Amino acid sequence: MTRQMLWRNSALPSPLEAHRIDSLAVHHLSRHDGREGVRAFLEKRPAQFRSRVSQDMPPVYPWQNDQ
């Protein structure tokens, strides 16, 4: 997702739109696997990530249906 945002957001007509997409994506991703990653790090254990790219992409990922 980060790679896609770098490529696609740089082509947007306004940096504000890129910022909106980036901020919402970070917020969404920090809620589930992001929280687990921090907990695992603090507890010094392997993370148990459960989100899947095929079904758990944030709704702000505007090009998710591009084919």
Protein backbone atom coordinates (compact mmCIF):
# COMPACT_ATOMS: atom_id res chain seq x y z
CA MET A 1 0.00 0.00 0.00
CA THR A 2 2.85 2.38 0.78
CA ARG A 3 4.37 1.86 -2.65
CA GLN A 4 1.02 2.48 -4.33
CA MET A 5 0.48 5.66 -2.32
CA LEU A 6 3.95 6.94 -3.27
CA TRP A 7 3.32 6.41 -6.96
CA ARG A 8 -0.33 7.40 -7.17
CA ASN A 9 -0.46 10.23 -4.64
CA SER A 10 2.45 11.98 -6.32
CA ALA A 11 0.32 12.21 -9.49
CA LEU A 12 -2.68 13.81 -7.77
CA PRO A 13 -3.42 17.42 -8.71
CA SER A 14 -3.33 18.58 -5.07
CA PRO A 15 -1.03 17.61 -2.21
CA LEU A 16 -4.01 18.05 0.11
CA GLU A 17 -5.77 15.09 -1.50
CA ALA A 18 -2.63 12.98 -1.11
CA HIS A 19 -2.40 14.03 2.54
CA ARG A 20 -6.04 13.10 3.12
CA ILE A 21 -5.55 9.62 1.67
CA ASP A 22 -2.30 9.09 3.56
CA SER A 23 -3.69 10.26 6.91
CA LEU A 24 -6.82 8.14 6.67
CA ALA A 25 -4.82 5.07 5.64
CA VAL A 26 -2.41 5.45 8.56
CA HIS A 27 -5.34 5.88 10.95
CA HIS A 28 -7.11 2.79 9.62
CA LEU A 29 -4.01 0.58 9.57
CA SER A 30 -2.94 1.60 13.08
CA ARG A 31 -6.15 0.27 14.57
CA HIS A 32 -5.68 -3.47 14.02
CA ASP A 33 -2.36 -4.91 12.89
CA GLY A 34 -0.61 -1.69 13.88
CA ARG A 35 -1.80 -2.08 17.45
CA GLU A 36 -0.76 -5.74 17.44
CA GLY A 37 2.69 -4.81 16.11
CA VAL A 38 3.29 -2.33 18.93
CA ARG A 39 2.06 -4.77 21.58
CA ALA A 40 4.23 -7.57 20.21
CA PHE A 41 7.27 -5.29 20.18
CA LEU A 42 6.70 -4.14 23.76
CA GLU A 43 6.09 -7.72 24.92
CA LYS A 44 9.14 -8.95 22.95
CA ARG A 45 7.19 -11.61 21.08
CA PRO A 46 6.44 -12.33 17.41
CA ALA A 47 3.47 -10.38 16.10
CA GLN A 48 0.28 -12.20 15.16
CA PHE A 49 -0.94 -10.14 12.20
CA ARG A 50 -4.45 -11.12 11.12
CA SER A 51 -5.33 -8.58 8.41
CA ARG A 52 -5.23 -9.71 4.77
CA VAL A 53 -4.55 -7.55 1.74
CA SER A 54 -7.26 -9.39 -0.18
CA GLN A 55 -10.01 -8.28 2.22
CA ASP A 56 -8.79 -5.75 4.79
CA MET A 57 -7.58 -2.77 2.78
CA PRO A 58 -8.79 0.56 4.16
CA PRO A 59 -11.83 2.08 2.47
CA VAL A 60 -9.72 5.17 1.65
CA TYR A 61 -7.57 3.09 -0.69
CA PRO A 62 -9.17 4.74 -3.77
CA TRP A 63 -7.67 2.52 -6.43
CA GLN A 64 -8.45 -0.80 -4.74
CA ASN A 65 -10.80 -1.79 -7.56
CA ASP A 66 -8.48 -0.75 -10.43
CA GLN A 67 -7.67 -3.66 -12.68
